[in-house]
Amino acid sequence: MVDKVQTPARGVFWMVVTGLCFVAVTALVKSLGQRIPAQESAFLRYVLGLVFLLPMARQVMRVRLTPRLWRLFSLRALFHTGGVVLWFYAMTRIPIAEVTAMNYLNPVYVTVLAVFFLGERLALRRVLAIVAALLGAVMILRPGFRELDPGHFAMLATALFFAGSYLLAKILSGEVSAAVVVGLLSVGVTIGLAPLAIAVWVWPTWLELLILLGVALFATAGHYTMTLAFAAAPVTVTQPVTFLQLVWAVALGAILFAEPVDPWVIAGGSLILAAVVFITWREAVLKRRITPLVSETKN
């Protein structure tokens, strides 16, 4: 029998590990540089990551999907493919801290899209939280005060694509098992990325393949430890811990990649995360779950 007793300390521990895993993913992708095109890097990450999904292969192959479910899975794979390519592209263009801070926008986008596609209603307090998050994004980007890189616009689009993918996952998870949702996403994104990668193919070195295998490993491990954190503690306890990802991203960027520490990025990312934590807390009070945790929309 599974122990259902929640232990906040354990939940915080596993969320800390989750954050380290996802920061490792960003650092490894950053270390690849721009020699390999973003779509090829993303494709290789998903191909190598398929090996970690072998335990659920039988369950995925046995499922029988209706035409409607096939359309939803295909649409989700399309959204996620776009988001992954743009995220890999942004990682080669802008500092790790900015990618991490802007990634906090994903749950905010989900909250807004849920109004239009899931019939959610927004109270004034949640609207103000969304406005605060958008203000945080402006603090990070500072349009008119510095030159914006295409990577910044890629991250804004990344958050939107991942938000669409999450909302579709929310619908699908009510009709099929989690293993099927995860497994078909990985297969669908791999298929979607294949023609994009082939069009710009550059033969990777063994070191680059090893780095991408590490990306797949840490990404898979991060999603697994995240489920352990959710099982051990309420989301209102684990969600604030994701702030550490920004701290580690700033430190890694400065130490490993000589990226300057930008206080505006830290302030803006903190404001976005504070808004996300507030929205999460409100949903917990209202006993509903629409907005994802920050880590749930990771690629």
C-alpha atoms as a PDB file:
ATOM      1  CA  MET A   1       0.000   0.000   0.000  1.00  0.00           C
ATOM      2  CA  VAL A   2       1.374   3.428  -1.011  1.00  0.00           C
ATOM      3  CA  ASP A   3       1.995   5.860   1.821  1.00  0.00           C
ATOM      4  CA  LYS A   4      -0.263   8.873   1.260  1.00  0.00           C
ATOM      5  CA  VAL A   5       1.088  10.910   4.202  1.00  0.00           C
ATOM      6  CA  GLN A   6       2.531  14.162   2.915  1.00  0.00           C
ATOM      7  CA  THR A   7       5.901  15.327   4.231  1.00  0.00           C
ATOM      8  CA  PRO A   8       6.672  18.930   3.220  1.00  0.00           C
ATOM      9  CA  ALA A   9      10.416  18.581   3.886  1.00  0.00           C
ATOM     10  CA  ARG A  10      10.628  15.660   1.463  1.00  0.00           C
ATOM     11  CA  GLY A  11       8.606  17.585  -1.099  1.00  0.00           C
ATOM     12  CA  VAL A  12      10.945  20.560  -0.847  1.00  0.00           C
ATOM     13  CA  PHE A  13      13.971  18.249  -1.185  1.00  0.00           C
ATOM     14  CA  TRP A  14      12.658  16.616  -4.362  1.00  0.00           C
ATOM     15  CA  MET A  15      11.717  19.989  -5.841  1.00  0.00           C
ATOM     16  CA  VAL A  16      15.251  21.234  -5.157  1.00  0.00           C
ATOM     17  CA  VAL A  17      16.587  18.167  -7.005  1.00  0.00           C
ATOM     18  CA  THR A  18      14.104  18.868  -9.815  1.00  0.00           C
ATOM     19  CA  GLY A  19      15.405  22.408 -10.149  1.00  0.00           C
ATOM     20  CA  LEU A  20      19.001  21.196 -10.298  1.00  0.00           C
ATOM     21  CA  CYS A  21      18.077  18.730 -13.038  1.00  0.00           C
ATOM     22  CA  PHE A  22      16.404  21.382 -15.179  1.00  0.00           C
ATOM     23  CA  VAL A  23      19.223  23.875 -14.661  1.00  0.00           C
ATOM     24  CA  ALA A  24      21.633  21.113 -15.742  1.00  0.00           C
ATOM     25  CA  VAL A  25      19.539  20.740 -18.908  1.00  0.00           C
ATOM     26  CA  THR A  26      19.860  24.442 -19.723  1.00  0.00           C
ATOM     27  CA  ALA A  27      23.607  24.475 -18.979  1.00  0.00           C
ATOM     28  CA  LEU A  28      24.248  21.442 -21.205  1.00  0.00           C
ATOM     29  CA  VAL A  29      22.229  22.908 -24.079  1.00  0.00           C
ATOM     30  CA  LYS A  30      24.057  26.214 -23.658  1.00  0.00           C
ATOM     31  CA  SER A  31      27.415  24.409 -23.829  1.00  0.00           C
ATOM     32  CA  LEU A  32      26.551  23.031 -27.284  1.00  0.00           C
ATOM     33  CA  GLY A  33      26.833  26.479 -28.822  1.00  0.00           C
ATOM     34  CA  GLN A  34      25.471  27.279 -32.285  1.00  0.00           C
ATOM     35  CA  ARG A  35      27.322  24.747 -34.453  1.00  0.00           C
ATOM     36  CA  ILE A  36      24.377  22.344 -34.445  1.00  0.00           C
ATOM     37  CA  PRO A  37      21.074  23.994 -35.511  1.00  0.00           C
ATOM     38  CA  ALA A  38      18.411  24.272 -32.812  1.00  0.00           C
ATOM     39  CA  GLN A  39      15.963  21.920 -34.542  1.00  0.00           C
ATOM     40  CA  GLU A  40      18.627  19.229 -34.907  1.00  0.00           C
ATOM     41  CA  SER A  41      19.688  19.544 -31.256  1.00  0.00           C
ATOM     42  CA  ALA A  42      16.057  19.234 -30.197  1.00  0.00           C
ATOM     43  CA  PHE A  43      15.531  16.211 -32.468  1.00  0.00           C
ATOM     44  CA  LEU A  44      18.587  14.393 -31.109  1.00  0.00           C
ATOM     45  CA  ARG A  45      17.517  15.162 -27.529  1.00  0.00           C
ATOM     46  CA  TYR A  46      14.145  13.505 -28.156  1.00  0.00           C
ATOM     47  CA  VAL A  47      15.552  10.550 -30.092  1.00  0.00           C
ATOM     48  CA  LEU A  48      18.043   9.815 -27.308  1.00  0.00           C
ATOM     49  CA  GLY A  49      15.323  10.396 -24.721  1.00  0.00           C
ATOM     50  CA  LEU A  50      13.111   7.665 -26.212  1.00  0.00           C
ATOM     51  CA  VAL A  51      15.300   5.029 -24.541  1.00  0.00           C
ATOM     52  CA  PHE A  52      14.112   6.270 -21.137  1.00  0.00           C
ATOM     53  CA  LEU A  53      10.495   5.695 -22.191  1.00  0.00           C
ATOM     54  CA  LEU A  54      10.915   2.012 -23.094  1.00  0.00           C
ATOM     55  CA  PRO A  55       9.272   0.812 -19.824  1.00  0.00           C
ATOM     56  CA  MET A  56       5.971   2.383 -20.932  1.00  0.00           C
ATOM     57  CA  ALA A  57       6.207   1.302 -24.592  1.00  0.00           C
ATOM     58  CA  ARG A  58       3.891  -1.697 -24.220  1.00  0.00           C
ATOM     59  CA  GLN A  59       1.178   0.368 -22.550  1.00  0.00           C
ATOM     60  CA  VAL A  60       1.399   3.018 -25.278  1.00  0.00           C
ATOM     61  CA  MET A  61       1.243   0.467 -28.103  1.00  0.00           C
ATOM     62  CA  ARG A  62      -1.851  -1.218 -26.660  1.00  0.00           C
ATOM     63  CA  VAL A  63      -3.952   1.935 -26.439  1.00  0.00           C
ATOM     64  CA  ARG A  64      -6.769   2.427 -28.943  1.00  0.00           C
ATOM     65  CA  LEU A  65      -7.441   6.066 -29.735  1.00  0.00           C
ATOM     66  CA  THR A  66     -10.477   7.625 -31.329  1.00  0.00           C
ATOM     67  CA  PRO A  67     -10.015  10.016 -34.304  1.00  0.00           C
ATOM     68  CA  ARG A  68     -10.694  12.909 -31.916  1.00  0.00           C
ATOM     69  CA  LEU A  69      -7.902  11.829 -29.570  1.00  0.00           C
ATOM     70  CA  TRP A  70      -5.524  11.395 -32.494  1.00  0.00           C
ATOM     71  CA  ARG A  71      -6.256  14.978 -33.552  1.00  0.00           C
ATOM     72  CA  LEU A  72      -5.647  16.263 -30.023  1.00  0.00           C
ATOM     73  CA  PHE A  73      -2.386  14.320 -29.690  1.00  0.00           C
ATOM     74  CA  SER A  74      -1.234  15.553 -33.106  1.00  0.00           C
ATOM     75  CA  LEU A  75      -2.060  19.152 -32.235  1.00  0.00           C
ATOM     76  CA  ARG A  76      -0.216  18.853 -28.937  1.00  0.00           C
ATOM     77  CA  ALA A  77       2.837  17.390 -30.678  1.00  0.00           C
ATOM     78  CA  LEU A  78       2.741  20.323 -33.113  1.00  0.00           C
ATOM     79  CA  PHE A  79       2.605  22.898 -30.298  1.00  0.00           C
ATOM     80  CA  HIS A  80       5.342  21.164 -28.331  1.00  0.00           C
ATOM     81  CA  THR A  81       7.570  20.790 -31.389  1.00  0.00           C
ATOM     82  CA  GLY A  82       7.411  24.522 -31.997  1.00  0.00           C
ATOM     83  CA  GLY A  83       8.092  25.283 -28.352  1.00  0.00           C
ATOM     84  CA  VAL A  84      11.086  22.946 -28.141  1.00  0.00           C
ATOM     85  CA  VAL A  85      12.742  24.325 -31.282  1.00  0.00           C
ATOM     86  CA  LEU A  86      12.306  27.916 -30.116  1.00  0.00           C
ATOM     87  CA  TRP A  87      13.613  27.059 -26.633  1.00  0.00           C
ATOM     88  CA  PHE A  88      16.766  25.434 -28.030  1.00  0.00           C
ATOM     89  CA  TYR A  89      17.231  28.450 -30.300  1.00  0.00           C
ATOM     90  CA  ALA A  90      16.832  30.910 -27.414  1.00  0.00           C
ATOM     91  CA  MET A  91      19.372  29.001 -25.346  1.00  0.00           C
ATOM     92  CA  THR A  92      22.054  29.701 -27.967  1.00  0.00           C
ATOM     93  CA  ARG A  93      21.209  33.402 -28.148  1.00  0.00           C
ATOM     94  CA  ILE A  94      20.505  34.836 -24.698  1.00  0.00           C
ATOM     95  CA  PRO A  95      21.840  34.280 -21.150  1.00  0.00           C
ATOM     96  CA  ILE A  96      20.697  31.268 -19.119  1.00  0.00           C
ATOM     97  CA  ALA A  97      19.208  33.549 -16.440  1.00  0.00           C
ATOM     98  CA  GLU A  98      16.965  35.269 -18.996  1.00  0.00           C
ATOM     99  CA  VAL A  99      15.764  31.956 -20.438  1.00  0.00           C
ATOM    100  CA  THR A 100      14.980  30.704 -16.926  1.00  0.00           C
ATOM    101  CA  ALA A 101      13.210  33.899 -15.861  1.00  0.00           C
ATOM    102  CA  MET A 102      11.087  34.082 -19.013  1.00  0.00           C
ATOM    103  CA  ASN A 103      10.229  30.397 -18.660  1.00  0.00           C
ATOM    104  CA  TYR A 104       8.223  31.394 -15.572  1.00  0.00           C
ATOM    105  CA  LEU A 105       5.705  32.974 -17.967  1.00  0.00           C
ATOM    106  CA  ASN A 106       4.428  29.541 -19.077  1.00  0.00           C
ATOM    107  CA  PRO A 107       1.929  29.088 -16.203  1.00  0.00           C
ATOM    108  CA  VAL A 108       0.727  32.669 -16.687  1.00  0.00           C
ATOM    109  CA  TYR A 109      -0.020  32.000 -20.354  1.00  0.00           C
ATOM    110  CA  VAL A 110      -1.877  28.839 -19.358  1.00  0.00           C
ATOM    111  CA  THR A 111      -4.061  30.807 -16.943  1.00  0.00           C
ATOM    112  CA  VAL A 112      -5.001  33.265 -19.676  1.00  0.00           C
ATOM    113  CA  LEU A 113      -5.612  30.613 -22.356  1.00  0.00           C
ATOM    114  CA  ALA A 114      -7.752  28.592 -19.929  1.00  0.00           C
ATOM    115  CA  VAL A 115     -10.252  31.453 -19.927  1.00  0.00           C
ATOM    116  CA  PHE A 116     -10.807  31.067 -23.673  1.00  0.00           C
ATOM    117  CA  PHE A 117     -10.514  27.292 -24.091  1.00  0.00           C
ATOM    118  CA  LEU A 118     -11.567  25.773 -20.752  1.00  0.00           C
ATOM    119  CA  GLY A 119     -14.163  28.324 -19.689  1.00  0.00           C
ATOM    120  CA  GLU A 120     -12.193  29.457 -16.637  1.00  0.00           C
ATOM    121  CA  ARG A 121     -13.222  32.635 -14.853  1.00  0.00           C
ATOM    122  CA  LEU A 122     -10.670  35.104 -13.547  1.00  0.00           C
ATOM    123  CA  ALA A 123     -11.267  37.000 -10.335  1.00  0.00           C
ATOM    124  CA  LEU A 124      -9.782  40.471  -9.938  1.00  0.00           C
ATOM    125  CA  ARG A 125      -6.923  39.204  -7.759  1.00  0.00           C
ATOM    126  CA  ARG A 126      -5.798  36.717 -10.416  1.00  0.00           C
ATOM    127  CA  VAL A 127      -6.061  39.390 -13.112  1.00  0.00           C
ATOM    128  CA  LEU A 128      -3.780  41.620 -11.034  1.00  0.00           C
ATOM    129  CA  ALA A 129      -1.348  38.722 -10.615  1.00  0.00           C
ATOM    130  CA  ILE A 130      -1.243  38.275 -14.397  1.00  0.00           C
ATOM    131  CA  VAL A 131      -0.606  42.000 -14.854  1.00  0.00           C
ATOM    132  CA  ALA A 132       2.236  41.775 -12.314  1.00  0.00           C
ATOM    133  CA  ALA A 133       3.743  38.852 -14.245  1.00  0.00           C
ATOM    134  CA  LEU A 134       3.592  40.788 -17.511  1.00  0.00           C
ATOM    135  CA  LEU A 135       5.259  43.722 -15.749  1.00  0.00           C
ATOM    136  CA  GLY A 136       8.004  41.292 -14.707  1.00  0.00           C
ATOM    137  CA  ALA A 137       8.469  40.311 -18.355  1.00  0.00           C
ATOM    138  CA  VAL A 138       8.808  43.983 -19.308  1.00  0.00           C
ATOM    139  CA  MET A 139      11.453  44.407 -16.589  1.00  0.00           C
ATOM    140  CA  ILE A 140      13.431  41.523 -18.091  1.00  0.00           C
ATOM    141  CA  LEU A 141      13.143  42.683 -21.698  1.00  0.00           C
ATOM    142  CA  ARG A 142      13.288  46.472 -21.092  1.00  0.00           C
ATOM    143  CA  PRO A 143      12.207  47.342 -24.659  1.00  0.00           C
ATOM    144  CA  GLY A 144      13.505  50.745 -25.736  1.00  0.00           C
ATOM    145  CA  PHE A 145      16.317  50.647 -23.177  1.00  0.00           C
ATOM    146  CA  ARG A 146      18.392  47.910 -24.806  1.00  0.00           C
ATOM    147  CA  GLU A 147      18.547  46.018 -28.080  1.00  0.00           C
ATOM    148  CA  LEU A 148      16.408  42.892 -28.003  1.00  0.00           C
ATOM    149  CA  ASP A 149      17.772  39.664 -29.460  1.00  0.00           C
ATOM    150  CA  PRO A 150      15.682  37.248 -31.564  1.00  0.00           C
ATOM    151  CA  GLY A 151      16.168  34.845 -28.652  1.00  0.00           C
ATOM    152  CA  HIS A 152      13.960  37.043 -26.468  1.00  0.00           C
ATOM    153  CA  PHE A 153      11.090  36.865 -28.950  1.00  0.00           C
ATOM    154  CA  ALA A 154      11.698  33.123 -29.292  1.00  0.00           C
ATOM    155  CA  MET A 155      11.231  32.710 -25.531  1.00  0.00           C
ATOM    156  CA  LEU A 156       7.980  34.682 -25.571  1.00  0.00           C
ATOM    157  CA  ALA A 157       6.690  32.357 -28.296  1.00  0.00           C
ATOM    158  CA  THR A 158       8.094  29.305 -26.484  1.00  0.00           C
ATOM    159  CA  ALA A 159       5.989  30.041 -23.419  1.00  0.00           C
ATOM    160  CA  LEU A 160       2.882  30.363 -25.602  1.00  0.00           C
ATOM    161  CA  PHE A 161       3.507  27.067 -27.441  1.00  0.00           C
ATOM    162  CA  PHE A 162       4.172  25.184 -24.189  1.00  0.00           C
ATOM    163  CA  ALA A 163       1.032  26.683 -22.651  1.00  0.00           C
ATOM    164  CA  GLY A 164      -1.020  25.305 -25.545  1.00  0.00           C
ATOM    165  CA  SER A 165       0.657  21.921 -25.121  1.00  0.00           C
ATOM    166  CA  TYR A 166      -0.133  21.879 -21.398  1.00  0.00           C
ATOM    167  CA  LEU A 167      -3.803  22.716 -21.901  1.00  0.00           C
ATOM    168  CA  LEU A 168      -4.141  19.870 -24.406  1.00  0.00           C
ATOM    169  CA  ALA A 169      -2.388  17.563 -21.931  1.00  0.00           C
ATOM    170  CA  LYS A 170      -4.934  18.655 -19.321  1.00  0.00           C
ATOM    171  CA  ILE A 171      -7.750  17.519 -21.618  1.00  0.00           C
ATOM    172  CA  LEU A 172      -6.031  14.277 -22.645  1.00  0.00           C
ATOM    173  CA  SER A 173      -5.086  13.273 -19.102  1.00  0.00           C
ATOM    174  CA  GLY A 174      -8.767  12.958 -18.285  1.00  0.00           C
ATOM    175  CA  GLU A 175      -9.247  10.358 -21.027  1.00  0.00           C
ATOM    176  CA  VAL A 176      -6.048   8.281 -21.196  1.00  0.00           C
ATOM    177  CA  SER A 177      -3.283   7.281 -18.780  1.00  0.00           C
ATOM    178  CA  ALA A 178      -0.318   9.501 -17.938  1.00  0.00           C
ATOM    179  CA  ALA A 179       2.041   7.006 -19.591  1.00  0.00           C
ATOM    180  CA  VAL A 180       0.155   7.341 -22.873  1.00  0.00           C
ATOM    181  CA  VAL A 181       0.133  11.144 -22.644  1.00  0.00           C
ATOM    182  CA  VAL A 182       3.895  11.278 -22.047  1.00  0.00           C
ATOM    183  CA  GLY A 183       4.808   8.489 -24.452  1.00  0.00           C
ATOM    184  CA  LEU A 184       2.814   9.778 -27.424  1.00  0.00           C
ATOM    185  CA  LEU A 185       4.099  13.301 -26.853  1.00  0.00           C
ATOM    186  CA  SER A 186       7.698  12.092 -27.086  1.00  0.00           C
ATOM    187  CA  VAL A 187       7.004  10.063 -30.210  1.00  0.00           C
ATOM    188  CA  GLY A 188       4.981  12.866 -31.807  1.00  0.00           C
ATOM    189  CA  VAL A 189       7.623  15.527 -31.133  1.00  0.00           C
ATOM    190  CA  THR A 190      10.379  13.244 -32.454  1.00  0.00           C
ATOM    191  CA  ILE A 191       8.415  12.745 -35.693  1.00  0.00           C
ATOM    192  CA  GLY A 192       7.642  16.457 -35.928  1.00  0.00           C
ATOM    193  CA  LEU A 193      11.275  17.445 -35.468  1.00  0.00           C
ATOM    194  CA  ALA A 194      12.668  14.883 -37.936  1.00  0.00           C
ATOM    195  CA  PRO A 195      12.057  16.791 -41.199  1.00  0.00           C
ATOM    196  CA  LEU A 196      13.161  20.075 -39.607  1.00  0.00           C
ATOM    197  CA  ALA A 197      16.420  18.450 -38.439  1.00  0.00           C
ATOM    198  CA  ILE A 198      17.115  16.699 -41.743  1.00  0.00           C
ATOM    199  CA  ALA A 199      16.727  19.989 -43.627  1.00  0.00           C
ATOM    200  CA  VAL A 200      19.656  21.554 -41.736  1.00  0.00           C
ATOM    201  CA  TRP A 201      21.581  18.420 -40.712  1.00  0.00           C
ATOM    202  CA  VAL A 202      25.125  18.785 -39.381  1.00  0.00           C
ATOM    203  CA  TRP A 203      26.888  15.627 -38.270  1.00  0.00           C
ATOM    204  CA  PRO A 204      27.397  15.856 -34.486  1.00  0.00           C
ATOM    205  CA  THR A 205      30.601  14.821 -32.778  1.00  0.00           C
ATOM    206  CA  TRP A 206      30.632  12.077 -30.159  1.00  0.00           C
ATOM    207  CA  LEU A 207      31.032  14.725 -27.453  1.00  0.00           C
ATOM    208  CA  GLU A 208      27.953  16.590 -28.713  1.00  0.00           C
ATOM    209  CA  LEU A 209      25.953  13.352 -28.734  1.00  0.00           C
ATOM    210  CA  LEU A 210      27.095  12.663 -25.174  1.00  0.00           C
ATOM    211  CA  ILE A 211      25.987  16.149 -24.102  1.00  0.00           C
ATOM    212  CA  LEU A 212      22.561  15.645 -25.699  1.00  0.00           C
ATOM    213  CA  LEU A 213      22.247  12.261 -23.987  1.00  0.00           C
ATOM    214  CA  GLY A 214      22.913  14.103 -20.733  1.00  0.00           C
ATOM    215  CA  VAL A 215      20.167  16.587 -21.646  1.00  0.00           C
ATOM    216  CA  ALA A 216      17.710  13.723 -22.167  1.00  0.00           C
ATOM    217  CA  LEU A 217      18.800  12.046 -18.933  1.00  0.00           C
ATOM    218  CA  PHE A 218      18.465  15.156 -16.760  1.00  0.00           C
ATOM    219  CA  ALA A 219      15.161  16.151 -18.375  1.00  0.00           C
ATOM    220  CA  THR A 220      13.686  12.708 -17.697  1.00  0.00           C
ATOM    221  CA  ALA A 221      15.085  12.641 -14.161  1.00  0.00           C
ATOM    222  CA  GLY A 222      13.690  16.126 -13.511  1.00  0.00           C
ATOM    223  CA  HIS A 223      10.166  15.117 -14.472  1.00  0.00           C
ATOM    224  CA  TYR A 224      10.429  11.997 -12.300  1.00  0.00           C
ATOM    225  CA  THR A 225      11.671  13.835  -9.201  1.00  0.00           C
ATOM    226  CA  MET A 226       8.998  16.462  -9.808  1.00  0.00           C
ATOM    227  CA  THR A 227       6.296  13.775  -9.464  1.00  0.00           C
ATOM    228  CA  LEU A 228       7.928  12.671  -6.209  1.00  0.00           C
ATOM    229  CA  ALA A 229       7.779  16.260  -4.940  1.00  0.00           C
ATOM    230  CA  PHE A 230       4.082  16.569  -5.844  1.00  0.00           C
ATOM    231  CA  ALA A 231       3.313  13.318  -4.038  1.00  0.00           C
ATOM    232  CA  ALA A 232       5.200  14.376  -0.910  1.00  0.00           C
ATOM    233  CA  ALA A 233       3.914  17.914  -0.364  1.00  0.00           C
ATOM    234  CA  PRO A 234       1.173  20.366  -1.440  1.00  0.00           C
ATOM    235  CA  VAL A 235       1.878  22.490  -4.508  1.00  0.00           C
ATOM    236  CA  THR A 236       1.760  25.616  -2.345  1.00  0.00           C
ATOM    237  CA  VAL A 237       4.857  24.268  -0.575  1.00  0.00           C
ATOM    238  CA  THR A 238       6.827  23.098  -3.619  1.00  0.00           C
ATOM    239  CA  GLN A 239       6.044  25.944  -6.030  1.00  0.00           C
ATOM    240  CA  PRO A 240       8.108  28.690  -4.279  1.00  0.00           C
ATOM    241  CA  VAL A 241      11.161  26.395  -4.336  1.00  0.00           C
ATOM    242  CA  THR A 242      11.353  26.849  -8.108  1.00  0.00           C
ATOM    243  CA  PHE A 243      12.828  30.312  -7.421  1.00  0.00           C
ATOM    244  CA  LEU A 244      16.108  28.502  -6.747  1.00  0.00           C
ATOM    245  CA  GLN A 245      16.275  27.643 -10.450  1.00  0.00           C
ATOM    246  CA  LEU A 246      16.764  31.342 -11.191  1.00  0.00           C
ATOM    247  CA  VAL A 247      19.462  31.632  -8.510  1.00  0.00           C
ATOM    248  CA  TRP A 248      21.347  28.640  -9.924  1.00  0.00           C
ATOM    249  CA  ALA A 249      20.878  29.850 -13.502  1.00  0.00           C
ATOM    250  CA  VAL A 250      22.395  33.237 -12.628  1.00  0.00           C
ATOM    251  CA  ALA A 251      25.326  31.545 -10.855  1.00  0.00           C
ATOM    252  CA  LEU A 252      25.953  29.063 -13.691  1.00  0.00           C
ATOM    253  CA  GLY A 253      25.766  31.769 -16.322  1.00  0.00           C
ATOM    254  CA  ALA A 254      28.268  33.918 -14.459  1.00  0.00           C
ATOM    255  CA  ILE A 255      30.697  31.128 -13.531  1.00  0.00           C
ATOM    256  CA  LEU A 256      30.643  28.870 -16.601  1.00  0.00           C
ATOM    257  CA  PHE A 257      29.692  31.230 -19.424  1.00  0.00           C
ATOM    258  CA  ALA A 258      30.902  34.621 -18.163  1.00  0.00           C
ATOM    259  CA  GLU A 259      27.396  36.089 -18.434  1.00  0.00           C
ATOM    260  CA  PRO A 260      26.940  39.334 -16.454  1.00  0.00           C
ATOM    261  CA  VAL A 261      24.538  39.286 -13.518  1.00  0.00           C
ATOM    262  CA  ASP A 262      21.575  41.463 -14.474  1.00  0.00           C
ATOM    263  CA  PRO A 263      19.556  42.686 -11.445  1.00  0.00           C
ATOM    264  CA  TRP A 264      16.623  43.550 -13.741  1.00  0.00           C
ATOM    265  CA  VAL A 265      16.372  39.929 -14.858  1.00  0.00           C
ATOM    266  CA  ILE A 266      16.440  38.721 -11.243  1.00  0.00           C
ATOM    267  CA  ALA A 267      13.803  41.277 -10.212  1.00  0.00           C
ATOM    268  CA  GLY A 268      11.575  40.551 -13.197  1.00  0.00           C
ATOM    269  CA  GLY A 269      11.848  36.782 -12.789  1.00  0.00           C
ATOM    270  CA  SER A 270      11.075  37.097  -9.085  1.00  0.00           C
ATOM    271  CA  LEU A 271       7.979  39.180  -9.821  1.00  0.00           C
ATOM    272  CA  ILE A 272       6.724  36.662 -12.397  1.00  0.00           C
ATOM    273  CA  LEU A 273       7.298  33.750 -10.017  1.00  0.00           C
ATOM    274  CA  ALA A 274       5.562  35.595  -7.162  1.00  0.00           C
ATOM    275  CA  ALA A 275       2.528  36.028  -9.415  1.00  0.00           C
ATOM    276  CA  VAL A 276       2.599  32.329 -10.349  1.00  0.00           C
ATOM    277  CA  VAL A 277       2.835  31.312  -6.688  1.00  0.00           C
ATOM    278  CA  PHE A 278      -0.137  33.537  -5.863  1.00  0.00           C
ATOM    279  CA  ILE A 279      -2.233  32.046  -8.684  1.00  0.00           C
ATOM    280  CA  THR A 280      -1.277  28.529  -7.553  1.00  0.00           C
ATOM    281  CA  TRP A 281      -2.232  29.353  -3.961  1.00  0.00           C
ATOM    282  CA  ARG A 282      -5.600  30.758  -5.049  1.00  0.00           C
ATOM    283  CA  GLU A 283      -6.351  27.615  -7.058  1.00  0.00           C
ATOM    284  CA  ALA A 284      -5.433  25.473  -4.047  1.00  0.00           C
ATOM    285  CA  VAL A 285      -7.816  27.504  -1.873  1.00  0.00           C
ATOM    286  CA  LEU A 286     -10.562  27.094  -4.470  1.00  0.00           C
ATOM    287  CA  LYS A 287      -9.771  23.349  -4.756  1.00  0.00           C
ATOM    288  CA  ARG A 288      -9.116  23.383  -8.492  1.00  0.00           C
ATOM    289  CA  ARG A 289      -6.039  22.932 -10.647  1.00  0.00           C
ATOM    290  CA  ILE A 290      -5.674  24.703 -13.988  1.00  0.00           C
ATOM    291  CA  THR A 291      -2.387  26.576 -13.832  1.00  0.00           C
ATOM    292  CA  PRO A 292       0.636  24.261 -14.060  1.00  0.00           C
ATOM    293  CA  LEU A 293       3.616  24.425 -11.777  1.00  0.00           C
ATOM    294  CA  VAL A 294       6.630  26.156 -13.294  1.00  0.00           C
ATOM    295  CA  SER A 295       8.466  22.871 -13.894  1.00  0.00           C
ATOM    296  CA  GLU A 296       5.516  21.113 -15.528  1.00  0.00           C
ATOM    297  CA  THR A 297       5.907  22.932 -18.824  1.00  0.00           C
ATOM    298  CA  LYS A 298       9.582  22.119 -19.236  1.00  0.00           C
ATOM    299  CA  ASN A 299      10.535  20.412 -22.466  1.00  0.00           C
END
